[in-house]
Amino acid sequence: MRAGAIALALVALLTPAATADGCDKFAWPLAREQVLLAAAGKPTVKAGEMLAFVPKTAFTLQLQLGAKAAFVMPPERKPKAERWFGGSIRFPALEKPGIYQVTLSDEAWIDVVQDGRYSRSVGSTGRSDCPTLRKSVRLDLGATSFVLQFSGVASDEIVVAIGARE
């Protein structure tokens, strides 16, 4: 019996931290996104910019104080905190329509505006006990340009990964 207890203790010690902190408990696998969000040397994008393409890597988005943040359409959800950061970035038309996934390092509200209206999510998952990522949202996007809007962010930066669902 003692040998069994020791074996269980060793398994607990050798189990990766991700299983202990909730990073493996999202509604869908996010191991790829965890690696992208944690990678060093991510490009930095300023809110308000137009990107030439959807990046294959994660990027750090520099946000503006909420009162100064510019949006194509007002955020659908009012931020909970009095002091918050936000902003938007524009993307060109997608090469291929389909389900795209936006994954964030921190708490934020995401609005996606395409064809002059809000795009509805087809799924979302979030955990407050995963230190490397907070939320992932899936959206059905057409082959036209779109805008990602972020609001209610606690700091002036957030790390974002976006890509077609695999």
C-alpha atoms as a PDB file:
ATOM      1  CA  MET A   1       0.000   0.000   0.000  1.00  0.00           C
ATOM      2  CA  ARG A   2       2.846   2.363   0.819  1.00  0.00           C
ATOM      3  CA  ALA A   3       4.462   1.649  -2.566  1.00  0.00           C
ATOM      4  CA  GLY A   4       1.174   2.614  -4.255  1.00  0.00           C
ATOM      5  CA  ALA A   5       1.052   5.928  -2.371  1.00  0.00           C
ATOM      6  CA  ILE A   6       4.649   6.674  -3.365  1.00  0.00           C
ATOM      7  CA  ALA A   7       3.854   5.850  -7.004  1.00  0.00           C
ATOM      8  CA  LEU A   8       0.848   8.197  -6.946  1.00  0.00           C
ATOM      9  CA  ALA A   9       2.976  10.966  -5.430  1.00  0.00           C
ATOM     10  CA  LEU A  10       5.609  10.512  -8.159  1.00  0.00           C
ATOM     11  CA  VAL A  11       2.948  10.658 -10.880  1.00  0.00           C
ATOM     12  CA  ALA A  12       1.589  13.879  -9.369  1.00  0.00           C
ATOM     13  CA  LEU A  13       5.065  15.416  -9.304  1.00  0.00           C
ATOM     14  CA  LEU A  14       5.847  14.404 -12.866  1.00  0.00           C
ATOM     15  CA  THR A  15       2.530  15.518 -14.359  1.00  0.00           C
ATOM     16  CA  PRO A  16       2.970  18.684 -16.459  1.00  0.00           C
ATOM     17  CA  ALA A  17       1.837  21.916 -14.832  1.00  0.00           C
ATOM     18  CA  ALA A  18      -0.745  22.477 -17.574  1.00  0.00           C
ATOM     19  CA  THR A  19      -2.889  19.693 -16.195  1.00  0.00           C
ATOM     20  CA  ALA A  20      -2.757  21.171 -12.701  1.00  0.00           C
ATOM     21  CA  ASP A  21      -3.682  24.719 -13.696  1.00  0.00           C
ATOM     22  CA  GLY A  22      -6.600  24.174 -16.063  1.00  0.00           C
ATOM     23  CA  CYS A  23      -4.837  24.690 -19.403  1.00  0.00           C
ATOM     24  CA  ASP A  24      -5.965  21.264 -20.597  1.00  0.00           C
ATOM     25  CA  LYS A  25      -9.610  21.824 -19.633  1.00  0.00           C
ATOM     26  CA  PHE A  26     -10.812  24.071 -22.465  1.00  0.00           C
ATOM     27  CA  ALA A  27     -13.730  22.921 -24.630  1.00  0.00           C
ATOM     28  CA  TRP A  28     -11.313  22.190 -27.488  1.00  0.00           C
ATOM     29  CA  PRO A  29      -7.551  21.573 -27.720  1.00  0.00           C
ATOM     30  CA  LEU A  30      -5.460  24.758 -27.509  1.00  0.00           C
ATOM     31  CA  ALA A  31      -1.919  23.357 -27.205  1.00  0.00           C
ATOM     32  CA  ARG A  32      -0.874  24.988 -30.504  1.00  0.00           C
ATOM     33  CA  GLU A  33      -2.248  28.349 -29.383  1.00  0.00           C
ATOM     34  CA  GLN A  34      -0.497  28.053 -26.003  1.00  0.00           C
ATOM     35  CA  VAL A  35       2.817  27.654 -27.824  1.00  0.00           C
ATOM     36  CA  LEU A  36       2.050  30.618 -30.118  1.00  0.00           C
ATOM     37  CA  LEU A  37       1.017  32.897 -27.245  1.00  0.00           C
ATOM     38  CA  ALA A  38       4.084  31.981 -25.158  1.00  0.00           C
ATOM     39  CA  ALA A  39       6.617  32.306 -28.008  1.00  0.00           C
ATOM     40  CA  ALA A  40       9.287  34.975 -27.766  1.00  0.00           C
ATOM     41  CA  GLY A  41       9.729  37.619 -30.446  1.00  0.00           C
ATOM     42  CA  LYS A  42       6.074  38.106 -31.319  1.00  0.00           C
ATOM     43  CA  PRO A  43       5.392  41.065 -33.625  1.00  0.00           C
ATOM     44  CA  THR A  44       3.659  44.073 -32.091  1.00  0.00           C
ATOM     45  CA  VAL A  45       0.628  45.678 -33.736  1.00  0.00           C
ATOM     46  CA  LYS A  46      -0.957  48.961 -32.696  1.00  0.00           C
ATOM     47  CA  ALA A  47      -4.722  49.234 -32.366  1.00  0.00           C
ATOM     48  CA  GLY A  48      -6.160  50.921 -35.436  1.00  0.00           C
ATOM     49  CA  GLU A  49      -3.777  49.291 -37.908  1.00  0.00           C
ATOM     50  CA  MET A  50      -4.734  47.372 -41.050  1.00  0.00           C
ATOM     51  CA  LEU A  51      -2.856  44.112 -41.408  1.00  0.00           C
ATOM     52  CA  ALA A  52      -1.966  42.826 -44.865  1.00  0.00           C
ATOM     53  CA  PHE A  53      -2.847  39.224 -43.959  1.00  0.00           C
ATOM     54  CA  VAL A  54      -3.876  37.007 -41.050  1.00  0.00           C
ATOM     55  CA  PRO A  55      -0.587  36.255 -39.245  1.00  0.00           C
ATOM     56  CA  LYS A  56       0.474  32.639 -38.780  1.00  0.00           C
ATOM     57  CA  THR A  57       2.010  33.562 -35.408  1.00  0.00           C
ATOM     58  CA  ALA A  58       0.555  35.231 -32.353  1.00  0.00           C
ATOM     59  CA  PHE A  59       1.040  38.983 -32.035  1.00  0.00           C
ATOM     60  CA  THR A  60       0.958  41.519 -29.243  1.00  0.00           C
ATOM     61  CA  LEU A  61      -1.725  44.149 -29.715  1.00  0.00           C
ATOM     62  CA  GLN A  62      -1.077  47.546 -28.142  1.00  0.00           C
ATOM     63  CA  LEU A  63      -4.390  48.961 -26.970  1.00  0.00           C
ATOM     64  CA  GLN A  64      -5.687  52.417 -26.108  1.00  0.00           C
ATOM     65  CA  LEU A  65      -7.379  53.653 -22.965  1.00  0.00           C
ATOM     66  CA  GLY A  66     -11.093  52.847 -23.282  1.00  0.00           C
ATOM     67  CA  ALA A  67     -12.230  56.460 -23.751  1.00  0.00           C
ATOM     68  CA  LYS A  68      -9.751  56.874 -26.636  1.00  0.00           C
ATOM     69  CA  ALA A  69     -10.242  53.463 -28.260  1.00  0.00           C
ATOM     70  CA  ALA A  70     -11.702  53.597 -31.766  1.00  0.00           C
ATOM     71  CA  PHE A  71     -14.254  51.024 -32.910  1.00  0.00           C
ATOM     72  CA  VAL A  72     -16.102  50.442 -36.185  1.00  0.00           C
ATOM     73  CA  MET A  73     -19.216  49.613 -34.152  1.00  0.00           C
ATOM     74  CA  PRO A  74     -19.687  50.084 -30.408  1.00  0.00           C
ATOM     75  CA  PRO A  75     -18.669  47.039 -28.340  1.00  0.00           C
ATOM     76  CA  GLU A  76     -21.668  44.761 -27.815  1.00  0.00           C
ATOM     77  CA  ARG A  77     -20.845  44.367 -24.126  1.00  0.00           C
ATOM     78  CA  LYS A  78     -20.100  47.224 -21.771  1.00  0.00           C
ATOM     79  CA  PRO A  79     -16.797  46.691 -19.911  1.00  0.00           C
ATOM     80  CA  LYS A  80     -17.195  45.770 -16.255  1.00  0.00           C
ATOM     81  CA  ALA A  81     -14.284  47.882 -15.004  1.00  0.00           C
ATOM     82  CA  GLU A  82     -14.300  51.663 -14.982  1.00  0.00           C
ATOM     83  CA  ARG A  83     -10.732  51.832 -16.355  1.00  0.00           C
ATOM     84  CA  TRP A  84     -10.148  49.540 -19.313  1.00  0.00           C
ATOM     85  CA  PHE A  85      -8.275  49.328 -22.621  1.00  0.00           C
ATOM     86  CA  GLY A  86      -9.450  48.443 -26.096  1.00  0.00           C
ATOM     87  CA  GLY A  87      -9.047  48.917 -29.807  1.00  0.00           C
ATOM     88  CA  SER A  88      -9.495  47.286 -33.164  1.00  0.00           C
ATOM     89  CA  ILE A  89      -7.452  45.919 -36.044  1.00  0.00           C
ATOM     90  CA  ARG A  90      -8.518  45.447 -39.643  1.00  0.00           C
ATOM     91  CA  PHE A  91      -7.868  42.438 -41.833  1.00  0.00           C
ATOM     92  CA  PRO A  92      -8.199  42.109 -45.615  1.00  0.00           C
ATOM     93  CA  ALA A  93     -10.549  39.663 -47.297  1.00  0.00           C
ATOM     94  CA  LEU A  94      -9.896  36.079 -46.309  1.00  0.00           C
ATOM     95  CA  GLU A  95      -8.592  33.698 -48.951  1.00  0.00           C
ATOM     96  CA  LYS A  96     -10.974  31.042 -47.759  1.00  0.00           C
ATOM     97  CA  PRO A  97     -14.225  31.465 -45.778  1.00  0.00           C
ATOM     98  CA  GLY A  98     -14.882  29.161 -42.862  1.00  0.00           C
ATOM     99  CA  ILE A  99     -14.544  28.741 -39.128  1.00  0.00           C
ATOM    100  CA  TYR A 100     -11.763  30.875 -37.660  1.00  0.00           C
ATOM    101  CA  GLN A 101     -10.531  30.839 -34.096  1.00  0.00           C
ATOM    102  CA  VAL A 102      -9.398  33.891 -32.095  1.00  0.00           C
ATOM    103  CA  THR A 103      -7.447  33.043 -28.942  1.00  0.00           C
ATOM    104  CA  LEU A 104      -6.440  35.586 -26.290  1.00  0.00           C
ATOM    105  CA  SER A 105      -3.876  35.711 -23.504  1.00  0.00           C
ATOM    106  CA  ASP A 106      -6.102  37.721 -21.157  1.00  0.00           C
ATOM    107  CA  GLU A 107      -9.709  38.555 -20.349  1.00  0.00           C
ATOM    108  CA  ALA A 108     -11.364  40.701 -23.029  1.00  0.00           C
ATOM    109  CA  TRP A 109     -14.578  41.088 -24.951  1.00  0.00           C
ATOM    110  CA  ILE A 110     -14.179  40.325 -28.660  1.00  0.00           C
ATOM    111  CA  ASP A 111     -16.417  41.724 -31.377  1.00  0.00           C
ATOM    112  CA  VAL A 112     -15.878  40.770 -34.995  1.00  0.00           C
ATOM    113  CA  VAL A 113     -17.407  43.101 -37.564  1.00  0.00           C
ATOM    114  CA  GLN A 114     -17.806  41.844 -41.120  1.00  0.00           C
ATOM    115  CA  ASP A 115     -20.036  43.213 -43.880  1.00  0.00           C
ATOM    116  CA  GLY A 116     -21.238  46.020 -41.599  1.00  0.00           C
ATOM    117  CA  ARG A 117     -22.579  43.741 -38.857  1.00  0.00           C
ATOM    118  CA  TYR A 118     -21.393  41.746 -35.866  1.00  0.00           C
ATOM    119  CA  SER A 119     -20.329  38.192 -36.673  1.00  0.00           C
ATOM    120  CA  ARG A 120     -21.778  35.678 -34.248  1.00  0.00           C
ATOM    121  CA  SER A 121     -19.568  33.155 -32.528  1.00  0.00           C
ATOM    122  CA  VAL A 122     -20.173  29.470 -33.143  1.00  0.00           C
ATOM    123  CA  GLY A 123     -18.419  28.544 -29.909  1.00  0.00           C
ATOM    124  CA  SER A 124     -16.289  29.885 -27.116  1.00  0.00           C
ATOM    125  CA  THR A 125     -14.216  28.507 -24.291  1.00  0.00           C
ATOM    126  CA  GLY A 126     -12.443  30.209 -21.448  1.00  0.00           C
ATOM    127  CA  ARG A 127     -10.621  29.461 -18.217  1.00  0.00           C
ATOM    128  CA  SER A 128      -9.392  31.816 -15.540  1.00  0.00           C
ATOM    129  CA  ASP A 129      -6.993  29.194 -14.136  1.00  0.00           C
ATOM    130  CA  CYS A 130      -4.711  28.897 -17.181  1.00  0.00           C
ATOM    131  CA  PRO A 131      -1.803  31.353 -16.927  1.00  0.00           C
ATOM    132  CA  THR A 132      -0.875  31.316 -20.627  1.00  0.00           C
ATOM    133  CA  LEU A 133      -4.255  31.872 -22.238  1.00  0.00           C
ATOM    134  CA  ARG A 134      -7.688  32.979 -21.169  1.00  0.00           C
ATOM    135  CA  LYS A 135     -10.197  32.612 -23.976  1.00  0.00           C
ATOM    136  CA  SER A 136     -10.815  31.239 -27.450  1.00  0.00           C
ATOM    137  CA  VAL A 137     -13.747  32.092 -29.716  1.00  0.00           C
ATOM    138  CA  ARG A 138     -14.752  30.443 -32.993  1.00  0.00           C
ATOM    139  CA  LEU A 139     -16.494  32.443 -35.714  1.00  0.00           C
ATOM    140  CA  ASP A 140     -17.928  31.603 -39.112  1.00  0.00           C
ATOM    141  CA  LEU A 141     -16.316  34.216 -41.373  1.00  0.00           C
ATOM    142  CA  GLY A 142     -16.995  34.962 -45.028  1.00  0.00           C
ATOM    143  CA  ALA A 143     -14.383  35.772 -47.649  1.00  0.00           C
ATOM    144  CA  THR A 144     -14.606  39.553 -47.071  1.00  0.00           C
ATOM    145  CA  SER A 145     -12.515  41.907 -44.949  1.00  0.00           C
ATOM    146  CA  PHE A 146     -13.239  42.055 -41.225  1.00  0.00           C
ATOM    147  CA  VAL A 147     -12.397  43.968 -38.072  1.00  0.00           C
ATOM    148  CA  LEU A 148     -11.455  42.466 -34.705  1.00  0.00           C
ATOM    149  CA  GLN A 149     -12.465  44.683 -31.779  1.00  0.00           C
ATOM    150  CA  PHE A 150     -11.255  44.203 -28.205  1.00  0.00           C
ATOM    151  CA  SER A 151     -12.716  45.912 -25.147  1.00  0.00           C
ATOM    152  CA  GLY A 152     -12.654  45.521 -21.389  1.00  0.00           C
ATOM    153  CA  VAL A 153      -8.955  44.595 -21.292  1.00  0.00           C
ATOM    154  CA  ALA A 154      -7.241  45.264 -17.944  1.00  0.00           C
ATOM    155  CA  SER A 155      -3.863  46.293 -19.428  1.00  0.00           C
ATOM    156  CA  ASP A 156      -2.671  48.153 -22.515  1.00  0.00           C
ATOM    157  CA  GLU A 157      -1.542  44.958 -24.274  1.00  0.00           C
ATOM    158  CA  ILE A 158      -3.043  41.612 -25.148  1.00  0.00           C
ATOM    159  CA  VAL A 159      -1.586  38.692 -27.095  1.00  0.00           C
ATOM    160  CA  VAL A 160      -3.759  37.376 -29.933  1.00  0.00           C
ATOM    161  CA  ALA A 161      -3.613  34.288 -32.146  1.00  0.00           C
ATOM    162  CA  ILE A 162      -6.014  33.916 -35.051  1.00  0.00           C
ATOM    163  CA  GLY A 163      -6.327  31.210 -37.656  1.00  0.00           C
ATOM    164  CA  ALA A 164      -8.562  28.785 -39.458  1.00  0.00           C
ATOM    165  CA  ARG A 165      -9.860  26.015 -37.226  1.00  0.00           C
ATOM    166  CA  GLU A 166      -7.860  22.861 -37.738  1.00  0.00           C
END
